[in-house]
């Protein structure tokens, strides 16, 4: 992930929920207009693994705070 992308994600995380919804709406709408190639099974597995690892890190961090 590039530094710019990471900065965007961090700024998005700090937005109020109403603004997050607006941003998501625009991104989803714009994404529908972009043709993307189908992901291979390996790519899907890698993406799913990244998501689950991030969720696990967040849960562990939350458990560490309590």
PDB file of N, CA and C in Angstrom:
ATOM      1  N   UNK A   1       0.856  -1.166   0.000  1.00  0.00           N
ATOM      2  CA  UNK A   1       0.000   0.000   0.000  1.00  0.00           C
ATOM      3  C   UNK A   1       0.905   1.234   0.000  1.00  0.00           C
ATOM      4  N   UNK A   2       0.569   2.197  -0.827  1.00  0.00           N
ATOM      5  CA  UNK A   2       1.388   3.402  -0.890  1.00  0.00           C
ATOM      6  C   UNK A   2       1.128   4.290   0.318  1.00  0.00           C
ATOM      7  N   UNK A   3       2.041   5.216   0.549  1.00  0.00           N
ATOM      8  CA  UNK A   3       1.890   6.156   1.660  1.00  0.00           C
ATOM      9  C   UNK A   3       0.628   6.986   1.483  1.00  0.00           C
ATOM     10  N   UNK A   4       0.361   7.429   0.266  1.00  0.00           N
ATOM     11  CA  UNK A   4      -0.836   8.225  -0.002  1.00  0.00           C
ATOM     12  C   UNK A   4      -2.095   7.438   0.317  1.00  0.00           C
ATOM     13  N   UNK A   5      -2.145   6.197  -0.103  1.00  0.00           N
ATOM     14  CA  UNK A   5      -3.305   5.355   0.175  1.00  0.00           C
ATOM     15  C   UNK A   5      -3.486   5.171   1.674  1.00  0.00           C
ATOM     16  N   UNK A   6      -2.399   4.922   2.375  1.00  0.00           N
ATOM     17  CA  UNK A   6      -2.467   4.743   3.827  1.00  0.00           C
ATOM     18  C   UNK A   6      -2.978   6.025   4.497  1.00  0.00           C
ATOM     19  N   UNK A   7      -2.523   7.175   4.024  1.00  0.00           N
ATOM     20  CA  UNK A   7      -2.981   8.454   4.586  1.00  0.00           C
ATOM     21  C   UNK A   7      -4.479   8.645   4.372  1.00  0.00           C
ATOM     22  N   UNK A   8      -4.962   8.288   3.192  1.00  0.00           N
ATOM     23  CA  UNK A   8      -6.397   8.396   2.903  1.00  0.00           C
ATOM     24  C   UNK A   8      -7.190   7.513   3.848  1.00  0.00           C
ATOM     25  N   UNK A   9      -6.719   6.286   4.045  1.00  0.00           N
ATOM     26  CA  UNK A   9      -7.416   5.352   4.927  1.00  0.00           C
ATOM     27  C   UNK A   9      -7.431   5.875   6.363  1.00  0.00           C
ATOM     28  N   UNK A  10      -6.313   6.420   6.805  1.00  0.00           N
ATOM     29  CA  UNK A  10      -6.246   6.961   8.166  1.00  0.00           C
ATOM     30  C   UNK A  10      -7.184   8.158   8.336  1.00  0.00           C
ATOM     31  N   UNK A  11      -7.239   9.017   7.325  1.00  0.00           N
ATOM     32  CA  UNK A  11      -8.146  10.175   7.386  1.00  0.00           C
ATOM     33  C   UNK A  11      -9.600   9.706   7.371  1.00  0.00           C
ATOM     34  N   UNK A  12      -9.885   8.697   6.551  1.00  0.00           N
ATOM     35  CA  UNK A  12     -11.234   8.144   6.498  1.00  0.00           C
ATOM     36  C   UNK A  12     -11.655   7.612   7.865  1.00  0.00           C
ATOM     37  N   UNK A  13     -10.730   6.944   8.549  1.00  0.00           N
ATOM     38  CA  UNK A  13     -11.027   6.360   9.865  1.00  0.00           C
ATOM     39  C   UNK A  13     -11.414   7.434  10.884  1.00  0.00           C
ATOM     40  N   UNK A  14     -10.928   8.646  10.700  1.00  0.00           N
ATOM     41  CA  UNK A  14     -11.220   9.727  11.654  1.00  0.00           C
ATOM     42  C   UNK A  14     -12.505  10.491  11.326  1.00  0.00           C
ATOM     43  N   UNK A  15     -13.122  10.188  10.199  1.00  0.00           N
ATOM     44  CA  UNK A  15     -14.353  10.885   9.820  1.00  0.00           C
ATOM     45  C   UNK A  15     -15.525  10.461  10.696  1.00  0.00           C
ATOM     46  N   UNK A  16     -16.477  11.374  10.877  1.00  0.00           N
ATOM     47  CA  UNK A  16     -17.726  10.971  11.545  1.00  0.00           C
ATOM     48  C   UNK A  16     -18.449   9.944  10.672  1.00  0.00           C
ATOM     49  N   UNK A  17     -19.269   9.119  11.294  1.00  0.00           N
ATOM     50  CA  UNK A  17     -19.942   8.031  10.573  1.00  0.00           C
ATOM     51  C   UNK A  17     -20.773   8.544   9.397  1.00  0.00           C
ATOM     52  N   UNK A  18     -21.416   9.696   9.548  1.00  0.00           N
ATOM     53  CA  UNK A  18     -22.237  10.219   8.443  1.00  0.00           C
ATOM     54  C   UNK A  18     -21.379  10.535   7.219  1.00  0.00           C
ATOM     55  N   UNK A  19     -20.184  11.085   7.434  1.00  0.00           N
ATOM     56  CA  UNK A  19     -19.301  11.383   6.314  1.00  0.00           C
ATOM     57  C   UNK A  19     -18.691  10.111   5.737  1.00  0.00           C
ATOM     58  N   UNK A  20     -18.432   9.120   6.592  1.00  0.00           N
ATOM     59  CA  UNK A  20     -17.941   7.835   6.091  1.00  0.00           C
ATOM     60  C   UNK A  20     -18.962   7.231   5.132  1.00  0.00           C
ATOM     61  N   UNK A  21     -20.239   7.313   5.503  1.00  0.00           N
ATOM     62  CA  UNK A  21     -21.291   6.757   4.645  1.00  0.00           C
ATOM     63  C   UNK A  21     -21.321   7.461   3.294  1.00  0.00           C
ATOM     64  N   UNK A  22     -21.150   8.776   3.305  1.00  0.00           N
ATOM     65  CA  UNK A  22     -21.133   9.528   2.046  1.00  0.00           C
ATOM     66  C   UNK A  22     -19.958   9.088   1.170  1.00  0.00           C
ATOM     67  N   UNK A  23     -18.781   8.956   1.779  1.00  0.00           N
ATOM     68  CA  UNK A  23     -17.592   8.557   1.029  1.00  0.00           C
ATOM     69  C   UNK A  23     -17.783   7.153   0.454  1.00  0.00           C
ATOM     70  N   UNK A  24     -18.279   6.244   1.275  1.00  0.00           N
ATOM     71  CA  UNK A  24     -18.504   4.867   0.814  1.00  0.00           C
ATOM     72  C   UNK A  24     -19.490   4.852  -0.346  1.00  0.00           C
ATOM     73  N   UNK A  25     -20.531   5.643  -0.244  1.00  0.00           N
ATOM     74  CA  UNK A  25     -21.533   5.707  -1.303  1.00  0.00           C
ATOM     75  C   UNK A  25     -20.907   6.145  -2.629  1.00  0.00           C
ATOM     76  N   UNK A  26     -20.076   7.169  -2.583  1.00  0.00           N
ATOM     77  CA  UNK A  26     -19.426   7.663  -3.802  1.00  0.00           C
ATOM     78  C   UNK A  26     -18.463   6.612  -4.349  1.00  0.00           C
ATOM     79  N   UNK A  27     -17.682   5.999  -3.470  1.00  0.00           N
ATOM     80  CA  UNK A  27     -16.720   4.989  -3.925  1.00  0.00           C
ATOM     81  C   UNK A  27     -17.446   3.804  -4.558  1.00  0.00           C
ATOM     82  N   UNK A  28     -18.510   3.336  -3.925  1.00  0.00           N
ATOM     83  CA  UNK A  28     -19.261   2.207  -4.489  1.00  0.00           C
ATOM     84  C   UNK A  28     -19.887   2.570  -5.829  1.00  0.00           C
ATOM     85  N   UNK A  29     -20.462   3.753  -5.909  1.00  0.00           N
ATOM     86  CA  UNK A  29     -21.074   4.186  -7.173  1.00  0.00           C
ATOM     87  C   UNK A  29     -20.021   4.250  -8.276  1.00  0.00           C
ATOM     88  N   UNK A  30     -18.879   4.858  -7.976  1.00  0.00           N
ATOM     89  CA  UNK A  30     -17.817   4.985  -8.971  1.00  0.00           C
ATOM     90  C   UNK A  30     -17.214   3.638  -9.334  1.00  0.00           C
ATOM     91  N   UNK A  31     -17.159   2.731  -8.369  1.00  0.00           N
ATOM     92  CA  UNK A  31     -16.592   1.414  -8.606  1.00  0.00           C
ATOM     93  C   UNK A  31     -17.439   0.613  -9.592  1.00  0.00           C
ATOM     94  N   UNK A  32     -18.741   0.824  -9.564  1.00  0.00           N
ATOM     95  CA  UNK A  32     -19.621   0.108 -10.490  1.00  0.00           C
ATOM     96  C   UNK A  32     -19.326   0.455 -11.943  1.00  0.00           C
ATOM     97  N   UNK A  33     -18.760   1.633 -12.156  1.00  0.00           N
ATOM     98  CA  UNK A  33     -18.465   2.092 -13.516  1.00  0.00           C
ATOM     99  C   UNK A  33     -17.099   1.629 -14.011  1.00  0.00           C
ATOM    100  N   UNK A  34     -16.301   1.038 -13.146  1.00  0.00           N
ATOM    101  CA  UNK A  34     -14.955   0.605 -13.499  1.00  0.00           C
ATOM    102  C   UNK A  34     -14.965  -0.889 -13.795  1.00  0.00           C
ATOM    103  N   UNK A  35     -14.457  -1.246 -14.943  1.00  0.00           N
ATOM    104  CA  UNK A  35     -14.359  -2.662 -15.268  1.00  0.00           C
ATOM    105  C   UNK A  35     -13.084  -3.216 -14.652  1.00  0.00           C
ATOM    106  N   UNK A  36     -13.240  -4.267 -13.887  1.00  0.00           N
ATOM    107  CA  UNK A  36     -12.083  -4.895 -13.254  1.00  0.00           C
ATOM    108  C   UNK A  36     -12.072  -6.373 -13.614  1.00  0.00           C
ATOM    109  N   UNK A  37     -10.875  -6.912 -13.763  1.00  0.00           N
ATOM    110  CA  UNK A  37     -10.800  -8.344 -14.076  1.00  0.00           C
ATOM    111  C   UNK A  37     -11.214  -9.174 -12.863  1.00  0.00           C
ATOM    112  N   UNK A  38     -11.696 -10.357 -13.121  1.00  0.00           N
ATOM    113  CA  UNK A  38     -12.073 -11.260 -12.037  1.00  0.00           C
ATOM    114  C   UNK A  38     -10.822 -11.664 -11.268  1.00  0.00           C
ATOM    115  N   UNK A  39     -10.969 -11.806  -9.966  1.00  0.00           N
ATOM    116  CA  UNK A  39      -9.855 -12.237  -9.137  1.00  0.00           C
ATOM    117  C   UNK A  39      -9.701 -13.747  -9.208  1.00  0.00           C
ATOM    118  N   UNK A  40      -8.462 -14.194  -9.173  1.00  0.00           N
ATOM    119  CA  UNK A  40      -8.214 -15.637  -9.143  1.00  0.00           C
ATOM    120  C   UNK A  40      -8.533 -16.162  -7.747  1.00  0.00           C
ATOM    121  N   UNK A  41      -8.639 -17.465  -7.633  1.00  0.00           N
ATOM    122  CA  UNK A  41      -8.881 -18.069  -6.321  1.00  0.00           C
ATOM    123  C   UNK A  41      -7.775 -17.694  -5.341  1.00  0.00           C
ATOM    124  N   UNK A  42      -6.526 -17.686  -5.811  1.00  0.00           N
ATOM    125  CA  UNK A  42      -5.403 -17.328  -4.943  1.00  0.00           C
ATOM    126  C   UNK A  42      -5.524 -15.888  -4.454  1.00  0.00           C
ATOM    127  N   UNK A  43      -5.913 -14.986  -5.341  1.00  0.00           N
ATOM    128  CA  UNK A  43      -6.077 -13.583  -4.948  1.00  0.00           C
ATOM    129  C   UNK A  43      -7.205 -13.421  -3.936  1.00  0.00           C
ATOM    130  N   UNK A  44      -8.296 -14.143  -4.141  1.00  0.00           N
ATOM    131  CA  UNK A  44      -9.405 -14.089  -3.195  1.00  0.00           C
ATOM    132  C   UNK A  44      -8.981 -14.596  -1.820  1.00  0.00           C
ATOM    133  N   UNK A  45      -8.231 -15.693  -1.799  1.00  0.00           N
ATOM    134  CA  UNK A  45      -7.763 -16.253  -0.529  1.00  0.00           C
ATOM    135  C   UNK A  45      -6.823 -15.274   0.171  1.00  0.00           C
ATOM    136  N   UNK A  46      -5.905 -14.672  -0.567  1.00  0.00           N
ATOM    137  CA  UNK A  46      -4.977 -13.717   0.030  1.00  0.00           C
ATOM    138  C   UNK A  46      -5.718 -12.503   0.593  1.00  0.00           C
ATOM    139  N   UNK A  47      -6.695 -12.000  -0.148  1.00  0.00           N
ATOM    140  CA  UNK A  47      -7.480 -10.860   0.338  1.00  0.00           C
ATOM    141  C   UNK A  47      -8.268 -11.233   1.588  1.00  0.00           C
ATOM    142  N   UNK A  48      -8.870 -12.394   1.585  1.00  0.00           N
ATOM    143  CA  UNK A  48      -9.631 -12.838   2.758  1.00  0.00           C
ATOM    144  C   UNK A  48      -8.703 -12.994   3.958  1.00  0.00           C
ATOM    145  N   UNK A  49      -7.529 -13.533   3.723  1.00  0.00           N
ATOM    146  CA  UNK A  49      -6.562 -13.715   4.813  1.00  0.00           C
ATOM    147  C   UNK A  49      -6.157 -12.366   5.410  1.00  0.00           C
ATOM    148  N   UNK A  50      -5.906 -11.381   4.556  1.00  0.00           N
ATOM    149  CA  UNK A  50      -5.552 -10.044   5.038  1.00  0.00           C
ATOM    150  C   UNK A  50      -6.671  -9.446   5.879  1.00  0.00           C
ATOM    151  N   UNK A  51      -7.899  -9.614   5.435  1.00  0.00           N
ATOM    152  CA  UNK A  51      -9.048  -9.078   6.173  1.00  0.00           C
ATOM    153  C   UNK A  51      -9.160  -9.748   7.540  1.00  0.00           C
ATOM    154  N   UNK A  52      -9.072 -11.071   7.573  1.00  0.00           N
ATOM    155  CA  UNK A  52      -9.200 -11.781   8.842  1.00  0.00           C
ATOM    156  C   UNK A  52      -8.057 -11.443   9.795  1.00  0.00           C
ATOM    157  N   UNK A  53      -6.831 -11.284   9.264  1.00  0.00           N
ATOM    158  CA  UNK A  53      -5.710 -10.905  10.118  1.00  0.00           C
ATOM    159  C   UNK A  53      -5.911  -9.512  10.701  1.00  0.00           C
ATOM    160  N   UNK A  54      -6.415  -8.598   9.899  1.00  0.00           N
ATOM    161  CA  UNK A  54      -6.675  -7.239  10.396  1.00  0.00           C
ATOM    162  C   UNK A  54      -7.764  -7.261  11.464  1.00  0.00           C
ATOM    163  N   UNK A  55      -8.826  -8.020  11.236  1.00  0.00           N
ATOM    164  CA  UNK A  55      -9.878  -8.149  12.245  1.00  0.00           C
ATOM    165  C   UNK A  55      -9.325  -8.750  13.533  1.00  0.00           C
ATOM    166  N   UNK A  56      -8.464  -9.738  13.396  1.00  0.00           N
ATOM    167  CA  UNK A  56      -7.861 -10.376  14.561  1.00  0.00           C
ATOM    168  C   UNK A  56      -6.989  -9.379  15.329  1.00  0.00           C
ATOM    169  N   UNK A  57      -6.205  -8.573  14.605  1.00  0.00           N
ATOM    170  CA  UNK A  57      -5.363  -7.560  15.260  1.00  0.00           C
ATOM    171  C   UNK A  57      -6.228  -6.560  16.020  1.00  0.00           C
ATOM    172  N   UNK A  58      -7.335  -6.149  15.421  1.00  0.00           N
ATOM    173  CA  UNK A  58      -8.222  -5.191  16.072  1.00  0.00           C
ATOM    174  C   UNK A  58      -8.857  -5.794  17.326  1.00  0.00           C
ATOM    175  N   UNK A  59      -9.266  -7.051  17.252  1.00  0.00           N
ATOM    176  CA  UNK A  59      -9.857  -7.719  18.413  1.00  0.00           C
ATOM    177  C   UNK A  59      -8.819  -7.865  19.522  1.00  0.00           C
ATOM    178  N   UNK A  60      -7.595  -8.239  19.170  1.00  0.00           N
ATOM    179  CA  UNK A  60      -6.546  -8.386  20.165  1.00  0.00           C
ATOM    180  C   UNK A  60      -6.227  -7.040  20.810  1.00  0.00           C
ATOM    181  N   UNK A  61      -6.196  -5.981  20.004  1.00  0.00           N
ATOM    182  CA  UNK A  61      -5.931  -4.642  20.542  1.00  0.00           C
ATOM    183  C   UNK A  61      -7.049  -4.220  21.488  1.00  0.00           C
ATOM    184  N   UNK A  62      -8.280  -4.544  21.106  1.00  0.00           N
ATOM    185  CA  UNK A  62      -9.429  -4.197  21.950  1.00  0.00           C
ATOM    186  C   UNK A  62      -9.377  -4.982  23.253  1.00  0.00           C
ATOM    187  N   UNK A  63      -9.005  -6.251  23.187  1.00  0.00           N
ATOM    188  CA  UNK A  63      -8.886  -7.076  24.390  1.00  0.00           C
ATOM    189  C   UNK A  63      -7.764  -6.577  25.285  1.00  0.00           C
ATOM    190  N   UNK A  64      -6.697  -6.061  24.681  1.00  0.00           N
ATOM    191  CA  UNK A  64      -5.574  -5.549  25.452  1.00  0.00           C
ATOM    192  C   UNK A  64      -5.895  -4.256  26.182  1.00  0.00           C
ATOM    193  N   UNK A  65      -6.905  -3.522  25.693  1.00  0.00           N
ATOM    194  CA  UNK A  65      -7.290  -2.263  26.317  1.00  0.00           C
ATOM    195  C   UNK A  65      -8.141  -2.481  27.555  1.00  0.00           C
ATOM    196  N   UNK A  66      -8.798  -3.635  27.643  1.00  0.00           N
ATOM    197  CA  UNK A  66      -9.687  -3.860  28.781  1.00  0.00           C
ATOM    198  C   UNK A  66      -9.007  -4.527  29.937  1.00  0.00           C
TER     199      UNK A  66
END
